[in-house]
C-alpha atoms as a PDB file:
ATOM      1  CA  UNK A   1      13.898  16.321 -18.203  1.00  0.00           C
ATOM      2  CA  UNK A   2      15.102  12.742 -17.646  1.00  0.00           C
ATOM      3  CA  UNK A   3      18.319  12.118 -15.764  1.00  0.00           C
ATOM      4  CA  UNK A   4      20.710  10.701 -18.398  1.00  0.00           C
ATOM      5  CA  UNK A   5      22.878   9.059 -15.753  1.00  0.00           C
ATOM      6  CA  UNK A   6      20.137   6.885 -14.255  1.00  0.00           C
ATOM      7  CA  UNK A   7      18.516   3.754 -15.645  1.00  0.00           C
ATOM      8  CA  UNK A   8      14.734   3.793 -16.180  1.00  0.00           C
ATOM      9  CA  UNK A   9      14.276   1.254 -13.386  1.00  0.00           C
ATOM     10  CA  UNK A  10      16.255   3.442 -10.979  1.00  0.00           C
ATOM     11  CA  UNK A  11      14.251   6.507 -11.969  1.00  0.00           C
ATOM     12  CA  UNK A  12      10.959   4.635 -11.579  1.00  0.00           C
ATOM     13  CA  UNK A  13      11.894   3.398  -8.116  1.00  0.00           C
ATOM     14  CA  UNK A  14      13.003   6.885  -7.069  1.00  0.00           C
ATOM     15  CA  UNK A  15       9.707   8.424  -8.204  1.00  0.00           C
ATOM     16  CA  UNK A  16       7.672   5.921  -6.201  1.00  0.00           C
ATOM     17  CA  UNK A  17       9.864   6.387  -3.127  1.00  0.00           C
ATOM     18  CA  UNK A  18       9.432  10.144  -3.389  1.00  0.00           C
ATOM     19  CA  UNK A  19       5.638   9.909  -3.466  1.00  0.00           C
ATOM     20  CA  UNK A  20       5.627   7.323  -0.656  1.00  0.00           C
ATOM     21  CA  UNK A  21       7.745   9.710   1.409  1.00  0.00           C
ATOM     22  CA  UNK A  22       5.224  12.513   0.795  1.00  0.00           C
ATOM     23  CA  UNK A  23       2.314  10.262   1.835  1.00  0.00           C
ATOM     24  CA  UNK A  24       4.293   9.210   4.901  1.00  0.00           C
ATOM     25  CA  UNK A  25       4.879  12.841   5.804  1.00  0.00           C
ATOM     26  CA  UNK A  26       1.174  13.581   5.533  1.00  0.00           C
ATOM     27  CA  UNK A  27       0.414  10.683   7.903  1.00  0.00           C
ATOM     28  CA  UNK A  28       2.919  12.106  10.358  1.00  0.00           C
ATOM     29  CA  UNK A  29       1.383  15.566  10.272  1.00  0.00           C
ATOM     30  CA  UNK A  30       3.564  17.404   7.795  1.00  0.00           C
ATOM     31  CA  UNK A  31       2.152  20.792   6.844  1.00  0.00           C
ATOM     32  CA  UNK A  32       2.465  20.020   3.141  1.00  0.00           C
ATOM     33  CA  UNK A  33      -0.428  17.571   3.250  1.00  0.00           C
ATOM     34  CA  UNK A  34      -1.730  17.988  -0.312  1.00  0.00           C
ATOM     35  CA  UNK A  35      -0.149  14.775  -1.449  1.00  0.00           C
ATOM     36  CA  UNK A  36      -1.014  13.846  -5.028  1.00  0.00           C
ATOM     37  CA  UNK A  37      -1.633  17.111  -6.854  1.00  0.00           C
ATOM     38  CA  UNK A  38       1.427  18.847  -5.452  1.00  0.00           C
ATOM     39  CA  UNK A  39       3.687  15.919  -6.269  1.00  0.00           C
ATOM     40  CA  UNK A  40       2.523  15.961  -9.885  1.00  0.00           C
ATOM     41  CA  UNK A  41       2.548  19.740 -10.212  1.00  0.00           C
ATOM     42  CA  UNK A  42       6.133  20.067  -8.959  1.00  0.00           C
ATOM     43  CA  UNK A  43       7.576  17.342 -11.166  1.00  0.00           C
ATOM     44  CA  UNK A  44       9.554  18.325 -14.231  1.00  0.00           C
ATOM     45  CA  UNK A  45       8.172  15.148 -15.803  1.00  0.00           C
ATOM     46  CA  UNK A  46       4.495  14.908 -14.755  1.00  0.00           C
ATOM     47  CA  UNK A  47       4.179  11.558 -16.516  1.00  0.00           C
ATOM     48  CA  UNK A  48       6.703  10.067 -14.115  1.00  0.00           C
ATOM     49  CA  UNK A  49       4.813  11.432 -11.119  1.00  0.00           C
ATOM     50  CA  UNK A  50       1.561  10.004 -12.488  1.00  0.00           C
ATOM     51  CA  UNK A  51       3.234   6.616 -12.843  1.00  0.00           C
ATOM     52  CA  UNK A  52       4.099   6.734  -9.145  1.00  0.00           C
ATOM     53  CA  UNK A  53       0.457   7.504  -8.344  1.00  0.00           C
ATOM     54  CA  UNK A  54      -0.580   4.378 -10.228  1.00  0.00           C
ATOM     55  CA  UNK A  55       1.957   2.268  -8.341  1.00  0.00           C
ATOM     56  CA  UNK A  56       0.908   3.414  -4.865  1.00  0.00           C
ATOM     57  CA  UNK A  57      -2.770   3.225  -5.806  1.00  0.00           C
ATOM     58  CA  UNK A  58      -5.048   3.166  -2.740  1.00  0.00           C
ATOM     59  CA  UNK A  59      -2.235   4.295  -0.458  1.00  0.00           C
ATOM     60  CA  UNK A  60      -2.423   7.864  -1.772  1.00  0.00           C
ATOM     61  CA  UNK A  61      -5.733   8.035   0.125  1.00  0.00           C
ATOM     62  CA  UNK A  62      -4.185   6.809   3.407  1.00  0.00           C
ATOM     63  CA  UNK A  63      -3.721  10.276   4.967  1.00  0.00           C
ATOM     64  CA  UNK A  64      -7.354  11.135   4.267  1.00  0.00           C
ATOM     65  CA  UNK A  65      -8.614   7.828   5.662  1.00  0.00           C
ATOM     66  CA  UNK A  66      -6.366   7.629   8.721  1.00  0.00           C
ATOM     67  CA  UNK A  67      -5.770  11.199   9.876  1.00  0.00           C
ATOM     68  CA  UNK A  68      -8.391  13.227   8.032  1.00  0.00           C
ATOM     69  CA  UNK A  69      -5.939  14.996   5.716  1.00  0.00           C
ATOM     70  CA  UNK A  70      -7.624  16.838   2.839  1.00  0.00           C
ATOM     71  CA  UNK A  71      -8.122  15.090  -0.468  1.00  0.00           C
ATOM     72  CA  UNK A  72      -9.465  17.727  -2.789  1.00  0.00           C
ATOM     73  CA  UNK A  73     -10.566  18.062  -6.412  1.00  0.00           C
ATOM     74  CA  UNK A  74      -7.004  18.647  -7.633  1.00  0.00           C
ATOM     75  CA  UNK A  75      -5.864  15.412  -6.002  1.00  0.00           C
ATOM     76  CA  UNK A  76      -8.813  13.543  -7.497  1.00  0.00           C
ATOM     77  CA  UNK A  77      -8.006  14.973 -10.919  1.00  0.00           C
ATOM     78  CA  UNK A  78      -4.393  13.821 -10.617  1.00  0.00           C
ATOM     79  CA  UNK A  79      -5.497  10.260  -9.792  1.00  0.00           C
ATOM     80  CA  UNK A  80      -7.927  10.296 -12.721  1.00  0.00           C
ATOM     81  CA  UNK A  81      -5.172  11.550 -15.011  1.00  0.00           C
ATOM     82  CA  UNK A  82      -2.873   8.755 -13.844  1.00  0.00           C
ATOM     83  CA  UNK A  83      -5.404   6.225 -15.140  1.00  0.00           C
ATOM     84  CA  UNK A  84      -5.688   8.068 -18.436  1.00  0.00           C
ATOM     85  CA  UNK A  85      -1.928   8.093 -18.984  1.00  0.00           C
ATOM     86  CA  UNK A  86      -1.414   4.561 -17.627  1.00  0.00           C
ATOM     87  CA  UNK A  87      -4.682   2.672 -18.267  1.00  0.00           C
ATOM     88  CA  UNK A  88      -5.197  -0.750 -16.684  1.00  0.00           C
ATOM     89  CA  UNK A  89      -3.630  -3.504 -18.779  1.00  0.00           C
ATOM     90  CA  UNK A  90      -6.030  -6.155 -20.137  1.00  0.00           C
ATOM     91  CA  UNK A  91      -3.682  -8.888 -18.904  1.00  0.00           C
ATOM     92  CA  UNK A  92      -3.042  -7.354 -15.476  1.00  0.00           C
ATOM     93  CA  UNK A  93      -2.746  -9.765 -12.565  1.00  0.00           C
ATOM     94  CA  UNK A  94      -5.758 -10.069 -10.267  1.00  0.00           C
ATOM     95  CA  UNK A  95      -3.728  -8.398  -7.510  1.00  0.00           C
ATOM     96  CA  UNK A  96      -3.074  -5.364  -9.703  1.00  0.00           C
ATOM     97  CA  UNK A  97      -6.709  -5.273 -10.792  1.00  0.00           C
ATOM     98  CA  UNK A  98      -7.896  -5.358  -7.168  1.00  0.00           C
ATOM     99  CA  UNK A  99      -5.625  -2.434  -6.329  1.00  0.00           C
ATOM    100  CA  UNK A 100      -6.982  -0.512  -9.321  1.00  0.00           C
ATOM    101  CA  UNK A 101     -10.566  -1.270  -8.350  1.00  0.00           C
ATOM    102  CA  UNK A 102      -9.986  -0.085  -4.785  1.00  0.00           C
ATOM    103  CA  UNK A 103      -8.352   3.111  -6.063  1.00  0.00           C
ATOM    104  CA  UNK A 104     -11.365   3.730  -8.310  1.00  0.00           C
ATOM    105  CA  UNK A 105     -13.807   3.209  -5.450  1.00  0.00           C
ATOM    106  CA  UNK A 106     -11.908   5.582  -3.176  1.00  0.00           C
ATOM    107  CA  UNK A 107     -11.766   8.132  -5.975  1.00  0.00           C
ATOM    108  CA  UNK A 108     -15.537   7.865  -6.282  1.00  0.00           C
ATOM    109  CA  UNK A 109     -15.934   8.349  -2.540  1.00  0.00           C
ATOM    110  CA  UNK A 110     -14.018  11.610  -2.549  1.00  0.00           C
ATOM    111  CA  UNK A 111     -15.481  12.763  -5.843  1.00  0.00           C
ATOM    112  CA  UNK A 112     -19.096  12.031  -4.976  1.00  0.00           C
ATOM    113  CA  UNK A 113     -19.685   9.729  -7.949  1.00  0.00           C
ATOM    114  CA  UNK A 114     -20.875   6.134  -8.257  1.00  0.00           C
ATOM    115  CA  UNK A 115     -18.079   3.575  -7.685  1.00  0.00           C
ATOM    116  CA  UNK A 116     -19.235   1.459 -10.598  1.00  0.00           C
ATOM    117  CA  UNK A 117     -19.401   4.462 -12.917  1.00  0.00           C
ATOM    118  CA  UNK A 118     -15.903   5.559 -11.955  1.00  0.00           C
ATOM    119  CA  UNK A 119     -14.547   2.014 -12.346  1.00  0.00           C
ATOM    120  CA  UNK A 120     -16.077   1.715 -15.798  1.00  0.00           C
ATOM    121  CA  UNK A 121     -14.760   5.136 -16.830  1.00  0.00           C
ATOM    122  CA  UNK A 122     -11.236   4.198 -15.731  1.00  0.00           C
ATOM    123  CA  UNK A 123     -11.341   0.787 -17.409  1.00  0.00           C
ATOM    124  CA  UNK A 124     -11.195  -1.205 -14.179  1.00  0.00           C
ATOM    125  CA  UNK A 125     -12.674  -4.745 -14.402  1.00  0.00           C
ATOM    126  CA  UNK A 126     -15.646  -5.813 -12.349  1.00  0.00           C
ATOM    127  CA  UNK A 127     -15.373  -7.675  -9.081  1.00  0.00           C
ATOM    128  CA  UNK A 128     -16.408 -11.088 -10.434  1.00  0.00           C
ATOM    129  CA  UNK A 129     -13.330 -11.160 -12.657  1.00  0.00           C
ATOM    130  CA  UNK A 130     -11.049 -10.741  -9.648  1.00  0.00           C
ATOM    131  CA  UNK A 131     -12.227 -13.265  -7.090  1.00  0.00           C
ATOM    132  CA  UNK A 132      -9.541 -15.851  -7.872  1.00  0.00           C
ATOM    133  CA  UNK A 133      -6.978 -13.546  -6.226  1.00  0.00           C
ATOM    134  CA  UNK A 134      -8.759 -14.279  -2.960  1.00  0.00           C
ATOM    135  CA  UNK A 135      -9.887 -17.884  -3.324  1.00  0.00           C
ATOM    136  CA  UNK A 136      -7.319 -19.620  -5.539  1.00  0.00           C
ATOM    137  CA  UNK A 137      -5.137 -20.570  -2.562  1.00  0.00           C
ATOM    138  CA  UNK A 138      -6.821 -21.264   0.746  1.00  0.00           C
ATOM    139  CA  UNK A 139      -4.991 -21.557   4.039  1.00  0.00           C
ATOM    140  CA  UNK A 140      -6.227 -24.489   6.100  1.00  0.00           C
ATOM    141  CA  UNK A 141      -7.367 -23.209   9.519  1.00  0.00           C
ATOM    142  CA  UNK A 142      -7.738 -26.796  10.726  1.00  0.00           C
ATOM    143  CA  UNK A 143      -4.001 -27.438  10.441  1.00  0.00           C
ATOM    144  CA  UNK A 144      -2.442 -26.086  13.645  1.00  0.00           C
ATOM    145  CA  UNK A 145       0.788 -27.992  12.989  1.00  0.00           C
ATOM    146  CA  UNK A 146       1.554 -25.837   9.958  1.00  0.00           C
ATOM    147  CA  UNK A 147       2.313 -28.899   7.839  1.00  0.00           C
ATOM    148  CA  UNK A 148      -0.044 -27.631   5.165  1.00  0.00           C
ATOM    149  CA  UNK A 149       1.998 -24.980   3.353  1.00  0.00           C
ATOM    150  CA  UNK A 150      -0.883 -23.417   1.403  1.00  0.00           C
ATOM    151  CA  UNK A 151      -0.708 -20.470   3.796  1.00  0.00           C
ATOM    152  CA  UNK A 152       2.674 -19.518   2.328  1.00  0.00           C
ATOM    153  CA  UNK A 153       1.334 -18.912  -1.157  1.00  0.00           C
ATOM    154  CA  UNK A 154      -1.818 -17.275   0.177  1.00  0.00           C
ATOM    155  CA  UNK A 155       0.024 -14.906   2.508  1.00  0.00           C
ATOM    156  CA  UNK A 156       2.417 -14.024  -0.318  1.00  0.00           C
ATOM    157  CA  UNK A 157      -0.578 -13.020  -2.405  1.00  0.00           C
ATOM    158  CA  UNK A 158      -2.047 -11.026   0.437  1.00  0.00           C
ATOM    159  CA  UNK A 159       1.248  -9.133   0.779  1.00  0.00           C
ATOM    160  CA  UNK A 160       0.767  -7.980  -2.807  1.00  0.00           C
ATOM    161  CA  UNK A 161      -2.737  -6.857  -1.869  1.00  0.00           C
ATOM    162  CA  UNK A 162      -1.609  -4.896   1.206  1.00  0.00           C
ATOM    163  CA  UNK A 163      -2.687  -1.488  -0.230  1.00  0.00           C
ATOM    164  CA  UNK A 164      -6.251  -2.727   0.341  1.00  0.00           C
ATOM    165  CA  UNK A 165      -5.584  -2.888   4.107  1.00  0.00           C
ATOM    166  CA  UNK A 166      -7.064   0.503   4.941  1.00  0.00           C
ATOM    167  CA  UNK A 167      -9.896   1.611   7.254  1.00  0.00           C
ATOM    168  CA  UNK A 168     -13.409   1.806   5.833  1.00  0.00           C
ATOM    169  CA  UNK A 169     -12.422  -0.210   2.759  1.00  0.00           C
ATOM    170  CA  UNK A 170     -14.401  -3.446   2.451  1.00  0.00           C
ATOM    171  CA  UNK A 171     -14.804  -6.340   0.060  1.00  0.00           C
ATOM    172  CA  UNK A 172     -13.929 -10.023  -0.432  1.00  0.00           C
ATOM    173  CA  UNK A 173     -10.210  -9.445   0.107  1.00  0.00           C
ATOM    174  CA  UNK A 174     -10.761  -7.834   3.493  1.00  0.00           C
ATOM    175  CA  UNK A 175     -13.240 -10.568   4.444  1.00  0.00           C
ATOM    176  CA  UNK A 176     -10.678 -13.242   3.581  1.00  0.00           C
ATOM    177  CA  UNK A 177      -7.996 -11.465   5.614  1.00  0.00           C
ATOM    178  CA  UNK A 178     -10.206 -11.240   8.683  1.00  0.00           C
ATOM    179  CA  UNK A 179     -11.138 -14.909   8.339  1.00  0.00           C
ATOM    180  CA  UNK A 180      -7.553 -16.152   7.964  1.00  0.00           C
ATOM    181  CA  UNK A 181      -5.524 -14.297  10.544  1.00  0.00           C
ATOM    182  CA  UNK A 182      -3.619 -17.472  11.439  1.00  0.00           C
ATOM    183  CA  UNK A 183      -2.278 -17.715   7.885  1.00  0.00           C
ATOM    184  CA  UNK A 184      -1.351 -14.028   7.981  1.00  0.00           C
ATOM    185  CA  UNK A 185       0.410 -14.496  11.323  1.00  0.00           C
ATOM    186  CA  UNK A 186       2.392 -17.419   9.936  1.00  0.00           C
ATOM    187  CA  UNK A 187       3.359 -15.417   6.872  1.00  0.00           C
ATOM    188  CA  UNK A 188       4.406 -12.433   8.995  1.00  0.00           C
ATOM    189  CA  UNK A 189       6.489 -14.598  11.320  1.00  0.00           C
ATOM    190  CA  UNK A 190       8.188 -16.312   8.402  1.00  0.00           C
ATOM    191  CA  UNK A 191       9.034 -12.946   6.803  1.00  0.00           C
ATOM    192  CA  UNK A 192      10.421 -11.635  10.094  1.00  0.00           C
ATOM    193  CA  UNK A 193      12.625 -14.713  10.572  1.00  0.00           C
ATOM    194  CA  UNK A 194      13.932 -14.251   7.029  1.00  0.00           C
ATOM    195  CA  UNK A 195      14.480 -10.532   7.706  1.00  0.00           C
ATOM    196  CA  UNK A 196      12.207  -9.812   4.780  1.00  0.00           C
ATOM    197  CA  UNK A 197      10.918  -6.637   6.386  1.00  0.00           C
ATOM    198  CA  UNK A 198       9.050  -5.279   3.336  1.00  0.00           C
ATOM    199  CA  UNK A 199       6.880  -8.421   3.225  1.00  0.00           C
ATOM    200  CA  UNK A 200       6.489  -8.433   6.999  1.00  0.00           C
ATOM    201  CA  UNK A 201       5.306  -4.813   6.933  1.00  0.00           C
ATOM    202  CA  UNK A 202       2.749  -5.538   4.220  1.00  0.00           C
ATOM    203  CA  UNK A 203       1.313  -8.493   6.117  1.00  0.00           C
ATOM    204  CA  UNK A 204       1.399  -6.533   9.383  1.00  0.00           C
ATOM    205  CA  UNK A 205      -1.044  -4.126   7.761  1.00  0.00           C
ATOM    206  CA  UNK A 206      -3.584  -6.936   7.421  1.00  0.00           C
ATOM    207  CA  UNK A 207      -3.056  -8.051  11.015  1.00  0.00           C
ATOM    208  CA  UNK A 208      -3.383  -4.446  12.145  1.00  0.00           C
ATOM    209  CA  UNK A 209      -6.613  -4.095  10.171  1.00  0.00           C
ATOM    210  CA  UNK A 210      -7.946  -7.220  11.879  1.00  0.00           C
ATOM    211  CA  UNK A 211      -7.049  -5.705  15.252  1.00  0.00           C
ATOM    212  CA  UNK A 212      -8.632  -2.407  14.202  1.00  0.00           C
ATOM    213  CA  UNK A 213     -11.883  -4.279  13.524  1.00  0.00           C
ATOM    214  CA  UNK A 214     -11.949  -6.062  16.861  1.00  0.00           C
ATOM    215  CA  UNK A 215     -10.194  -9.339  16.064  1.00  0.00           C
ATOM    216  CA  UNK A 216      -7.343 -10.763  18.130  1.00  0.00           C
ATOM    217  CA  UNK A 217      -4.559 -11.778  15.723  1.00  0.00           C
ATOM    218  CA  UNK A 218      -2.279 -14.632  16.713  1.00  0.00           C
ATOM    219  CA  UNK A 219       0.754 -12.333  16.420  1.00  0.00           C
ATOM    220  CA  UNK A 220       1.538  -9.273  18.537  1.00  0.00           C
ATOM    221  CA  UNK A 221       1.092  -6.569  15.911  1.00  0.00           C
ATOM    222  CA  UNK A 222       2.616  -3.842  18.062  1.00  0.00           C
ATOM    223  CA  UNK A 223       5.788  -5.898  18.578  1.00  0.00           C
ATOM    224  CA  UNK A 224       6.076  -6.553  14.843  1.00  0.00           C
ATOM    225  CA  UNK A 225       5.622  -2.876  14.020  1.00  0.00           C
ATOM    226  CA  UNK A 226       8.195  -1.752  16.562  1.00  0.00           C
ATOM    227  CA  UNK A 227      10.734  -4.343  15.407  1.00  0.00           C
ATOM    228  CA  UNK A 228      10.409  -3.306  11.768  1.00  0.00           C
ATOM    229  CA  UNK A 229      10.681   0.384  12.671  1.00  0.00           C
ATOM    230  CA  UNK A 230      13.891  -0.281  14.605  1.00  0.00           C
ATOM    231  CA  UNK A 231      15.605  -2.678  12.210  1.00  0.00           C
ATOM    232  CA  UNK A 232      14.411  -2.062   8.662  1.00  0.00           C
ATOM    233  CA  UNK A 233      16.256   0.167   6.222  1.00  0.00           C
ATOM    234  CA  UNK A 234      14.340  -0.568   3.034  1.00  0.00           C
ATOM    235  CA  UNK A 235      13.067   2.929   2.307  1.00  0.00           C
ATOM    236  CA  UNK A 236       9.917   4.989   2.220  1.00  0.00           C
ATOM    237  CA  UNK A 237       7.508   2.380   0.870  1.00  0.00           C
ATOM    238  CA  UNK A 238       8.186  -0.043   3.712  1.00  0.00           C
ATOM    239  CA  UNK A 239       8.141   2.822   6.205  1.00  0.00           C
ATOM    240  CA  UNK A 240       4.726   3.790   4.812  1.00  0.00           C
ATOM    241  CA  UNK A 241       3.405   0.233   5.233  1.00  0.00           C
ATOM    242  CA  UNK A 242       4.669   0.181   8.808  1.00  0.00           C
ATOM    243  CA  UNK A 243       3.198   3.606   9.571  1.00  0.00           C
ATOM    244  CA  UNK A 244      -0.209   2.511   8.263  1.00  0.00           C
ATOM    245  CA  UNK A 245      -0.034  -0.655  10.370  1.00  0.00           C
ATOM    246  CA  UNK A 246       0.917   1.453  13.385  1.00  0.00           C
ATOM    247  CA  UNK A 247      -2.086   3.734  12.882  1.00  0.00           C
ATOM    248  CA  UNK A 248      -4.491   0.838  12.396  1.00  0.00           C
ATOM    249  CA  UNK A 249      -3.271  -1.056  15.467  1.00  0.00           C
ATOM    250  CA  UNK A 250      -2.923   2.010  17.683  1.00  0.00           C
ATOM    251  CA  UNK A 251       0.760   1.267  18.304  1.00  0.00           C
ATOM    252  CA  UNK A 252       2.652   4.227  19.820  1.00  0.00           C
ATOM    253  CA  UNK A 253       5.515   5.594  17.766  1.00  0.00           C
ATOM    254  CA  UNK A 254       8.794   3.797  18.431  1.00  0.00           C
ATOM    255  CA  UNK A 255      11.195   6.203  20.189  1.00  0.00           C
ATOM    256  CA  UNK A 256      14.546   6.877  18.593  1.00  0.00           C
ATOM    257  CA  UNK A 257      17.246   4.555  19.881  1.00  0.00           C
ATOM    258  CA  UNK A 258      20.879   5.676  19.543  1.00  0.00           C
ATOM    259  CA  UNK A 259      22.686   3.508  17.044  1.00  0.00           C
ATOM    260  CA  UNK A 260      19.525   1.901  15.665  1.00  0.00           C
ATOM    261  CA  UNK A 261      19.259   1.872  11.868  1.00  0.00           C
ATOM    262  CA  UNK A 262      16.600   3.996  10.240  1.00  0.00           C
ATOM    263  CA  UNK A 263      15.231   4.044   6.702  1.00  0.00           C
ATOM    264  CA  UNK A 264      17.294   6.397   4.573  1.00  0.00           C
ATOM    265  CA  UNK A 265      15.498   9.536   3.448  1.00  0.00           C
ATOM    266  CA  UNK A 266      13.910   9.167   0.038  1.00  0.00           C
ATOM    267  CA  UNK A 267      15.646  11.150  -2.684  1.00  0.00           C
ATOM    268  CA  UNK A 268      13.960  14.392  -3.627  1.00  0.00           C
ATOM    269  CA  UNK A 269      12.539  13.466  -7.005  1.00  0.00           C
ATOM    270  CA  UNK A 270       9.708  15.974  -7.099  1.00  0.00           C
ATOM    271  CA  UNK A 271      11.535  17.606 -10.005  1.00  0.00           C
ATOM    272  CA  UNK A 272      12.839  14.419 -11.561  1.00  0.00           C
ATOM    273  CA  UNK A 273      11.106  11.861 -13.753  1.00  0.00           C
ATOM    274  CA  UNK A 274      10.374   8.281 -12.881  1.00  0.00           C
ATOM    275  CA  UNK A 275       7.965   5.635 -14.017  1.00  0.00           C
ATOM    276  CA  UNK A 276       5.860   2.669 -13.003  1.00  0.00           C
ATOM    277  CA  UNK A 277       7.324  -0.058 -10.876  1.00  0.00           C
ATOM    278  CA  UNK A 278       5.867  -2.832  -8.756  1.00  0.00           C
END
């Protein structure tokens, strides 16, 4: 039952952090690797757990894609149920719609169905309706001085699309990221200088994906990943972004340093309700 002492926003954030922590554990080899179904099954409020699934979207597939963790029929059913309980909003932003579309395509991959059939069944819009999320703001690669600030808005948008930065996931968003690594590097550097580690971690995923696919990003991805791991304390979602970037770039795990801050452990909300949050 809901916690009467917590606000809905606090409960929503806690539910997402709890699921992110479970996904993170699966990436790090935890024995309890059945991520989605078990999280929903153990929750006193399954609706809250399903909301967290919708928020993380494609990232619930990260352990399967990166380390070969199982993603079985029960997990697929939980993702499907999350769309039934929280269907895509007609006025959703293109970034949200792209995340939903990628989730649907990954669900089809692990369920053996057609991506377009699954997308239609879940109410996810077609690709042509989403292209402005990629092309509305274009970073100018011919501007080495950085005077053109279009890269700021574009990299901010790509940070929102970071759950699409996964191996073996392709489309216009990934193509744009691989074509505009300079803009991503600028955005990452700016976030690091501002100590905005959540944004830096999201953009580092794109740079790591570019490195994973043979590109040579203008920023040292390994250095960014290590710095965030040593200095960030934002919680499980940022730790998950950093862990995914580390896997994609092949960066060794940062050793523990005495006195260095670490992300606090996510609260155990497997038996507590939450809700959707961005």
